[in-house]
Amino acid sequence: MNTKLTLRMDDSLIKSAKYYSAQSGKSVSRIVADYFTVIKNEQLDDSHHLTPAVRTLKGLLSNTDAGEADYFKHLEEKYL
């Protein structure tokens, strides 16, 4: 069942949302619903406290043998 929801936002934000809506081919309602779905799913995820940028990096080096010593060696080579 779909229920109507009224949101109050700054005019410039509404203008941006409508522009994005036109560019993406999704209604503003769909965009808001998708965002709320993401929030809901993040609450179920134990890493919800991580920023989106950090979350994309999580586990990136899990299949390597890189360690702290490698990191310090990289810093020495970069800055010395």
PDB file of N, CA and C in Angstrom:
ATOM      1  N   MET A   1       0.839  -1.174   0.000  1.00  0.00           N
ATOM      2  CA  MET A   1       0.000   0.000   0.000  1.00  0.00           C
ATOM      3  C   MET A   1       0.890   1.246   0.000  1.00  0.00           C
ATOM      4  N   ASN A   2       0.629   2.168  -0.878  1.00  0.00           N
ATOM      5  CA  ASN A   2       1.361   3.432  -0.938  1.00  0.00           C
ATOM      6  C   ASN A   2       0.589   4.495  -0.180  1.00  0.00           C
ATOM      7  N   THR A   3       1.295   5.269   0.618  1.00  0.00           N
ATOM      8  CA  THR A   3       0.708   6.347   1.394  1.00  0.00           C
ATOM      9  C   THR A   3       1.417   7.638   1.046  1.00  0.00           C
ATOM     10  N   LYS A   4       0.680   8.706   0.963  1.00  0.00           N
ATOM     11  CA  LYS A   4       1.243  10.006   0.633  1.00  0.00           C
ATOM     12  C   LYS A   4       2.059  10.547   1.805  1.00  0.00           C
ATOM     13  N   LEU A   5       3.192  11.176   1.489  1.00  0.00           N
ATOM     14  CA  LEU A   5       4.069  11.767   2.487  1.00  0.00           C
ATOM     15  C   LEU A   5       4.416  13.174   2.020  1.00  0.00           C
ATOM     16  N   THR A   6       4.272  14.145   2.886  1.00  0.00           N
ATOM     17  CA  THR A   6       4.610  15.525   2.557  1.00  0.00           C
ATOM     18  C   THR A   6       5.944  15.867   3.208  1.00  0.00           C
ATOM     19  N   LEU A   7       6.865  16.394   2.410  1.00  0.00           N
ATOM     20  CA  LEU A   7       8.174  16.787   2.908  1.00  0.00           C
ATOM     21  C   LEU A   7       8.349  18.284   2.731  1.00  0.00           C
ATOM     22  N   ARG A   8       8.949  18.939   3.699  1.00  0.00           N
ATOM     23  CA  ARG A   8       9.258  20.362   3.603  1.00  0.00           C
ATOM     24  C   ARG A   8      10.768  20.495   3.475  1.00  0.00           C
ATOM     25  N   MET A   9      11.180  21.161   2.384  1.00  0.00           N
ATOM     26  CA  MET A   9      12.603  21.331   2.112  1.00  0.00           C
ATOM     27  C   MET A   9      12.854  22.710   1.542  1.00  0.00           C
ATOM     28  N   ASP A  10      14.121  23.085   1.583  1.00  0.00           N
ATOM     29  CA  ASP A  10      14.557  24.337   0.985  1.00  0.00           C
ATOM     30  C   ASP A  10      14.257  24.326  -0.517  1.00  0.00           C
ATOM     31  N   ASP A  11      13.866  25.474  -1.049  1.00  0.00           N
ATOM     32  CA  ASP A  11      13.513  25.568  -2.466  1.00  0.00           C
ATOM     33  C   ASP A  11      14.637  25.106  -3.392  1.00  0.00           C
ATOM     34  N   SER A  12      15.877  25.447  -3.054  1.00  0.00           N
ATOM     35  CA  SER A  12      16.993  25.050  -3.918  1.00  0.00           C
ATOM     36  C   SER A  12      17.186  23.536  -3.911  1.00  0.00           C
ATOM     37  N   LEU A  13      16.928  22.908  -2.773  1.00  0.00           N
ATOM     38  CA  LEU A  13      17.025  21.458  -2.686  1.00  0.00           C
ATOM     39  C   LEU A  13      15.933  20.791  -3.523  1.00  0.00           C
ATOM     40  N   ILE A  14      14.751  21.341  -3.482  1.00  0.00           N
ATOM     41  CA  ILE A  14      13.641  20.813  -4.290  1.00  0.00           C
ATOM     42  C   ILE A  14      13.975  20.947  -5.775  1.00  0.00           C
ATOM     43  N   LYS A  15      14.531  22.102  -6.155  1.00  0.00           N
ATOM     44  CA  LYS A  15      14.906  22.317  -7.553  1.00  0.00           C
ATOM     45  C   LYS A  15      15.949  21.291  -7.987  1.00  0.00           C
ATOM     46  N   SER A  16      16.938  21.043  -7.123  1.00  0.00           N
ATOM     47  CA  SER A  16      17.973  20.052  -7.426  1.00  0.00           C
ATOM     48  C   SER A  16      17.380  18.651  -7.540  1.00  0.00           C
ATOM     49  N   ALA A  17      16.449  18.328  -6.642  1.00  0.00           N
ATOM     50  CA  ALA A  17      15.811  17.011  -6.669  1.00  0.00           C
ATOM     51  C   ALA A  17      15.032  16.816  -7.962  1.00  0.00           C
ATOM     52  N   LYS A  18      14.326  17.850  -8.393  1.00  0.00           N
ATOM     53  CA  LYS A  18      13.551  17.751  -9.635  1.00  0.00           C
ATOM     54  C   LYS A  18      14.474  17.627 -10.844  1.00  0.00           C
ATOM     55  N   TYR A  19      15.583  18.338 -10.823  1.00  0.00           N
ATOM     56  CA  TYR A  19      16.555  18.233 -11.913  1.00  0.00           C
ATOM     57  C   TYR A  19      17.119  16.816 -11.970  1.00  0.00           C
ATOM     58  N   TYR A  20      17.531  16.301 -10.812  1.00  0.00           N
ATOM     59  CA  TYR A  20      18.059  14.937 -10.748  1.00  0.00           C
ATOM     60  C   TYR A  20      17.000  13.933 -11.204  1.00  0.00           C
ATOM     61  N   SER A  21      15.771  14.166 -10.811  1.00  0.00           N
ATOM     62  CA  SER A  21      14.677  13.295 -11.208  1.00  0.00           C
ATOM     63  C   SER A  21      14.545  13.244 -12.727  1.00  0.00           C
ATOM     64  N   ALA A  22      14.589  14.398 -13.349  1.00  0.00           N
ATOM     65  CA  ALA A  22      14.474  14.457 -14.813  1.00  0.00           C
ATOM     66  C   ALA A  22      15.657  13.762 -15.484  1.00  0.00           C
ATOM     67  N   GLN A  23      16.858  13.942 -14.931  1.00  0.00           N
ATOM     68  CA  GLN A  23      18.057  13.338 -15.516  1.00  0.00           C
ATOM     69  C   GLN A  23      18.077  11.817 -15.347  1.00  0.00           C
ATOM     70  N   SER A  24      17.581  11.352 -14.217  1.00  0.00           N
ATOM     71  CA  SER A  24      17.654   9.917 -13.924  1.00  0.00           C
ATOM     72  C   SER A  24      16.452   9.135 -14.453  1.00  0.00           C
ATOM     73  N   GLY A  25      15.382   9.850 -14.767  1.00  0.00           N
ATOM     74  CA  GLY A  25      14.176   9.170 -15.238  1.00  0.00           C
ATOM     75  C   GLY A  25      13.363   8.550 -14.118  1.00  0.00           C
ATOM     76  N   LYS A  26      13.674   8.927 -12.880  1.00  0.00           N
ATOM     77  CA  LYS A  26      12.933   8.437 -11.718  1.00  0.00           C
ATOM     78  C   LYS A  26      12.156   9.594 -11.117  1.00  0.00           C
ATOM     79  N   SER A  27      11.005   9.292 -10.567  1.00  0.00           N
ATOM     80  CA  SER A  27      10.237  10.331  -9.887  1.00  0.00           C
ATOM     81  C   SER A  27      10.934  10.703  -8.579  1.00  0.00           C
ATOM     82  N   VAL A  28      10.646  11.891  -8.093  1.00  0.00           N
ATOM     83  CA  VAL A  28      11.210  12.307  -6.805  1.00  0.00           C
ATOM     84  C   VAL A  28      10.753  11.338  -5.720  1.00  0.00           C
ATOM     85  N   SER A  29       9.508  10.897  -5.785  1.00  0.00           N
ATOM     86  CA  SER A  29       9.013   9.920  -4.810  1.00  0.00           C
ATOM     87  C   SER A  29       9.836   8.634  -4.835  1.00  0.00           C
ATOM     88  N   ARG A  30      10.178   8.162  -6.029  1.00  0.00           N
ATOM     89  CA  ARG A  30      10.971   6.937  -6.159  1.00  0.00           C
ATOM     90  C   ARG A  30      12.373   7.147  -5.589  1.00  0.00           C
ATOM     91  N   ILE A  31      12.955   8.312  -5.860  1.00  0.00           N
ATOM     92  CA  ILE A  31      14.290   8.621  -5.349  1.00  0.00           C
ATOM     93  C   ILE A  31      14.284   8.628  -3.825  1.00  0.00           C
ATOM     94  N   VAL A  32      13.286   9.274  -3.233  1.00  0.00           N
ATOM     95  CA  VAL A  32      13.179   9.326  -1.770  1.00  0.00           C
ATOM     96  C   VAL A  32      12.962   7.920  -1.212  1.00  0.00           C
ATOM     97  N   ALA A  33      12.101   7.140  -1.851  1.00  0.00           N
ATOM     98  CA  ALA A  33      11.845   5.773  -1.394  1.00  0.00           C
ATOM     99  C   ALA A  33      13.111   4.927  -1.480  1.00  0.00           C
ATOM    100  N   ASP A  34      13.874   5.079  -2.564  1.00  0.00           N
ATOM    101  CA  ASP A  34      15.132   4.344  -2.704  1.00  0.00           C
ATOM    102  C   ASP A  34      16.106   4.731  -1.598  1.00  0.00           C
ATOM    103  N   TYR A  35      16.158   6.020  -1.286  1.00  0.00           N
ATOM    104  CA  TYR A  35      17.058   6.487  -0.229  1.00  0.00           C
ATOM    105  C   TYR A  35      16.657   5.892   1.123  1.00  0.00           C
ATOM    106  N   PHE A  36      15.375   5.907   1.421  1.00  0.00           N
ATOM    107  CA  PHE A  36      14.912   5.334   2.685  1.00  0.00           C
ATOM    108  C   PHE A  36      15.199   3.834   2.746  1.00  0.00           C
ATOM    109  N   THR A  37      15.133   3.168   1.610  1.00  0.00           N
ATOM    110  CA  THR A  37      15.465   1.744   1.558  1.00  0.00           C
ATOM    111  C   THR A  37      16.934   1.531   1.888  1.00  0.00           C
ATOM    112  N   VAL A  38      17.796   2.389   1.356  1.00  0.00           N
ATOM    113  CA  VAL A  38      19.226   2.303   1.658  1.00  0.00           C
ATOM    114  C   VAL A  38      19.455   2.494   3.152  1.00  0.00           C
ATOM    115  N   ILE A  39      18.805   3.484   3.740  1.00  0.00           N
ATOM    116  CA  ILE A  39      18.937   3.734   5.176  1.00  0.00           C
ATOM    117  C   ILE A  39      18.490   2.516   5.968  1.00  0.00           C
ATOM    118  N   LYS A  40      17.380   1.949   5.583  1.00  0.00           N
ATOM    119  CA  LYS A  40      16.861   0.770   6.272  1.00  0.00           C
ATOM    120  C   LYS A  40      17.857  -0.376   6.202  1.00  0.00           C
ATOM    121  N   ASN A  41      18.429  -0.608   5.017  1.00  0.00           N
ATOM    122  CA  ASN A  41      19.394  -1.690   4.845  1.00  0.00           C
ATOM    123  C   ASN A  41      20.678  -1.426   5.605  1.00  0.00           C
ATOM    124  N   GLU A  42      21.098  -0.169   5.694  1.00  0.00           N
ATOM    125  CA  GLU A  42      22.307   0.164   6.439  1.00  0.00           C
ATOM    126  C   GLU A  42      22.123  -0.086   7.924  1.00  0.00           C
ATOM    127  N   GLN A  43      20.919   0.082   8.418  1.00  0.00           N
ATOM    128  CA  GLN A  43      20.658  -0.169   9.828  1.00  0.00           C
ATOM    129  C   GLN A  43      20.818  -1.650  10.147  1.00  0.00           C
ATOM    130  N   LEU A  44      20.592  -2.510   9.162  1.00  0.00           N
ATOM    131  CA  LEU A  44      20.761  -3.943   9.346  1.00  0.00           C
ATOM    132  C   LEU A  44      22.216  -4.365   9.204  1.00  0.00           C
ATOM    133  N   ASP A  45      23.006  -3.526   8.543  1.00  0.00           N
ATOM    134  CA  ASP A  45      24.408  -3.814   8.286  1.00  0.00           C
ATOM    135  C   ASP A  45      25.246  -3.338   9.470  1.00  0.00           C
ATOM    136  N   ASP A  46      26.169  -4.168   9.931  1.00  0.00           N
ATOM    137  CA  ASP A  46      26.979  -3.792  11.095  1.00  0.00           C
ATOM    138  C   ASP A  46      27.964  -2.678  10.803  1.00  0.00           C
ATOM    139  N   SER A  47      28.178  -2.350   9.531  1.00  0.00           N
ATOM    140  CA  SER A  47      29.118  -1.287   9.190  1.00  0.00           C
ATOM    141  C   SER A  47      28.405   0.025   8.877  1.00  0.00           C
ATOM    142  N   HIS A  48      27.185   0.197   9.359  1.00  0.00           N
ATOM    143  CA  HIS A  48      26.420   1.410   9.031  1.00  0.00           C
ATOM    144  C   HIS A  48      27.059   2.679   9.574  1.00  0.00           C
ATOM    145  N   HIS A  49      27.962   2.559  10.525  1.00  0.00           N
ATOM    146  CA  HIS A  49      28.628   3.731  11.076  1.00  0.00           C
ATOM    147  C   HIS A  49      29.757   4.228  10.179  1.00  0.00           C
ATOM    148  N   LEU A  50      30.116   3.484   9.140  1.00  0.00           N
ATOM    149  CA  LEU A  50      31.163   3.894   8.217  1.00  0.00           C
ATOM    150  C   LEU A  50      30.599   4.824   7.157  1.00  0.00           C
ATOM    151  N   THR A  51      31.406   5.765   6.726  1.00  0.00           N
ATOM    152  CA  THR A  51      30.968   6.642   5.646  1.00  0.00           C
ATOM    153  C   THR A  51      30.920   5.830   4.350  1.00  0.00           C
ATOM    154  N   PRO A  52      30.152   6.285   3.364  1.00  0.00           N
ATOM    155  CA  PRO A  52      30.075   5.538   2.102  1.00  0.00           C
ATOM    156  C   PRO A  52      31.443   5.325   1.453  1.00  0.00           C
ATOM    157  N   ALA A  53      32.316   6.335   1.509  1.00  0.00           N
ATOM    158  CA  ALA A  53      33.642   6.194   0.904  1.00  0.00           C
ATOM    159  C   ALA A  53      34.456   5.112   1.607  1.00  0.00           C
ATOM    160  N   VAL A  54      34.419   5.091   2.919  1.00  0.00           N
ATOM    161  CA  VAL A  54      35.162   4.082   3.681  1.00  0.00           C
ATOM    162  C   VAL A  54      34.553   2.700   3.448  1.00  0.00           C
ATOM    163  N   ARG A  55      33.236   2.625   3.374  1.00  0.00           N
ATOM    164  CA  ARG A  55      32.560   1.348   3.166  1.00  0.00           C
ATOM    165  C   ARG A  55      32.994   0.705   1.848  1.00  0.00           C
ATOM    166  N   THR A  56      33.241   1.533   0.802  1.00  0.00           N
ATOM    167  CA  THR A  56      33.680   0.970  -0.479  1.00  0.00           C
ATOM    168  C   THR A  56      35.083   0.404  -0.387  1.00  0.00           C
ATOM    169  N   LEU A  57      35.878   0.891   0.561  1.00  0.00           N
ATOM    170  CA  LEU A  57      37.252   0.407   0.720  1.00  0.00           C
ATOM    171  C   LEU A  57      37.362  -0.798   1.654  1.00  0.00           C
ATOM    172  N   LYS A  58      36.342  -1.038   2.439  1.00  0.00           N
ATOM    173  CA  LYS A  58      36.376  -2.101   3.440  1.00  0.00           C
ATOM    174  C   LYS A  58      36.620  -3.460   2.776  1.00  0.00           C
ATOM    175  N   GLY A  59      37.629  -4.166   3.253  1.00  0.00           N
ATOM    176  CA  GLY A  59      37.942  -5.492   2.737  1.00  0.00           C
ATOM    177  C   GLY A  59      38.778  -5.494   1.479  1.00  0.00           C
ATOM    178  N   LEU A  60      39.161  -4.334   0.995  1.00  0.00           N
ATOM    179  CA  LEU A  60      39.897  -4.221  -0.261  1.00  0.00           C
ATOM    180  C   LEU A  60      41.215  -5.003  -0.237  1.00  0.00           C
ATOM    181  N   LEU A  61      41.884  -5.011   0.894  1.00  0.00           N
ATOM    182  CA  LEU A  61      43.171  -5.689   0.995  1.00  0.00           C
ATOM    183  C   LEU A  61      43.091  -7.031   1.701  1.00  0.00           C
ATOM    184  N   SER A  62      41.913  -7.562   1.861  1.00  0.00           N
ATOM    185  CA  SER A  62      41.756  -8.803   2.624  1.00  0.00           C
ATOM    186  C   SER A  62      42.445 -10.004   1.977  1.00  0.00           C
ATOM    187  N   ASN A  63      42.632  -9.990   0.671  1.00  0.00           N
ATOM    188  CA  ASN A  63      43.263 -11.120  -0.013  1.00  0.00           C
ATOM    189  C   ASN A  63      44.728 -10.852  -0.331  1.00  0.00           C
ATOM    190  N   THR A  64      45.351  -9.935   0.390  1.00  0.00           N
ATOM    191  CA  THR A  64      46.763  -9.638   0.166  1.00  0.00           C
ATOM    192  C   THR A  64      47.543  -9.875   1.456  1.00  0.00           C
ATOM    193  N   ASP A  65      48.841  -9.875   1.304  1.00  0.00           N
ATOM    194  CA  ASP A  65      49.674 -10.029   2.493  1.00  0.00           C
ATOM    195  C   ASP A  65      50.260  -8.689   2.940  1.00  0.00           C
ATOM    196  N   ALA A  66      49.704  -7.590   2.468  1.00  0.00           N
ATOM    197  CA  ALA A  66      50.175  -6.259   2.850  1.00  0.00           C
ATOM    198  C   ALA A  66      49.940  -6.038   4.335  1.00  0.00           C
ATOM    199  N   GLY A  67      50.925  -5.462   4.974  1.00  0.00           N
ATOM    200  CA  GLY A  67      50.821  -5.220   6.407  1.00  0.00           C
ATOM    201  C   GLY A  67      51.251  -3.815   6.764  1.00  0.00           C
ATOM    202  N   GLU A  68      51.357  -3.587   8.041  1.00  0.00           N
ATOM    203  CA  GLU A  68      51.725  -2.266   8.539  1.00  0.00           C
ATOM    204  C   GLU A  68      53.123  -1.868   8.070  1.00  0.00           C
ATOM    205  N   ALA A  69      54.033  -2.817   8.029  1.00  0.00           N
ATOM    206  CA  ALA A  69      55.399  -2.533   7.579  1.00  0.00           C
ATOM    207  C   ALA A  69      55.396  -2.050   6.127  1.00  0.00           C
ATOM    208  N   ASP A  70      54.551  -2.653   5.297  1.00  0.00           N
ATOM    209  CA  ASP A  70      54.440  -2.224   3.903  1.00  0.00           C
ATOM    210  C   ASP A  70      53.939  -0.796   3.815  1.00  0.00           C
ATOM    211  N   TYR A  71      53.012  -0.446   4.659  1.00  0.00           N
ATOM    212  CA  TYR A  71      52.469   0.911   4.687  1.00  0.00           C
ATOM    213  C   TYR A  71      53.554   1.909   5.067  1.00  0.00           C
ATOM    214  N   PHE A  72      54.340   1.603   6.100  1.00  0.00           N
ATOM    215  CA  PHE A  72      55.404   2.509   6.521  1.00  0.00           C
ATOM    216  C   PHE A  72      56.480   2.633   5.442  1.00  0.00           C
ATOM    217  N   LYS A  73      56.775   1.533   4.765  1.00  0.00           N
ATOM    218  CA  LYS A  73      57.752   1.573   3.667  1.00  0.00           C
ATOM    219  C   LYS A  73      57.242   2.488   2.554  1.00  0.00           C
ATOM    220  N   HIS A  74      55.977   2.386   2.239  1.00  0.00           N
ATOM    221  CA  HIS A  74      55.367   3.243   1.223  1.00  0.00           C
ATOM    222  C   HIS A  74      55.497   4.711   1.621  1.00  0.00           C
ATOM    223  N   LEU A  75      55.210   5.024   2.877  1.00  0.00           N
ATOM    224  CA  LEU A  75      55.310   6.415   3.347  1.00  0.00           C
ATOM    225  C   LEU A  75      56.725   6.932   3.261  1.00  0.00           C
ATOM    226  N   GLU A  76      57.700   6.092   3.646  1.00  0.00           N
ATOM    227  CA  GLU A  76      59.103   6.500   3.562  1.00  0.00           C
ATOM    228  C   GLU A  76      59.509   6.795   2.122  1.00  0.00           C
ATOM    229  N   GLU A  77      59.116   5.927   1.203  1.00  0.00           N
ATOM    230  CA  GLU A  77      59.445   6.134  -0.217  1.00  0.00           C
ATOM    231  C   GLU A  77      58.751   7.366  -0.780  1.00  0.00           C
ATOM    232  N   LYS A  78      57.570   7.629  -0.317  1.00  0.00           N
ATOM    233  CA  LYS A  78      56.803   8.753  -0.839  1.00  0.00           C
ATOM    234  C   LYS A  78      57.335  10.091  -0.339  1.00  0.00           C
ATOM    235  N   TYR A  79      57.703  10.157   0.927  1.00  0.00           N
ATOM    236  CA  TYR A  79      58.041  11.450   1.521  1.00  0.00           C
ATOM    237  C   TYR A  79      59.530  11.680   1.772  1.00  0.00           C
ATOM    238  N   LEU A  80      60.362  10.687   1.568  1.00  0.00           N
ATOM    239  CA  LEU A  80      61.805  10.876   1.779  1.00  0.00           C
ATOM    240  C   LEU A  80      62.562  10.899   0.498  1.00  0.00           C
TER     241      LEU A  80
END
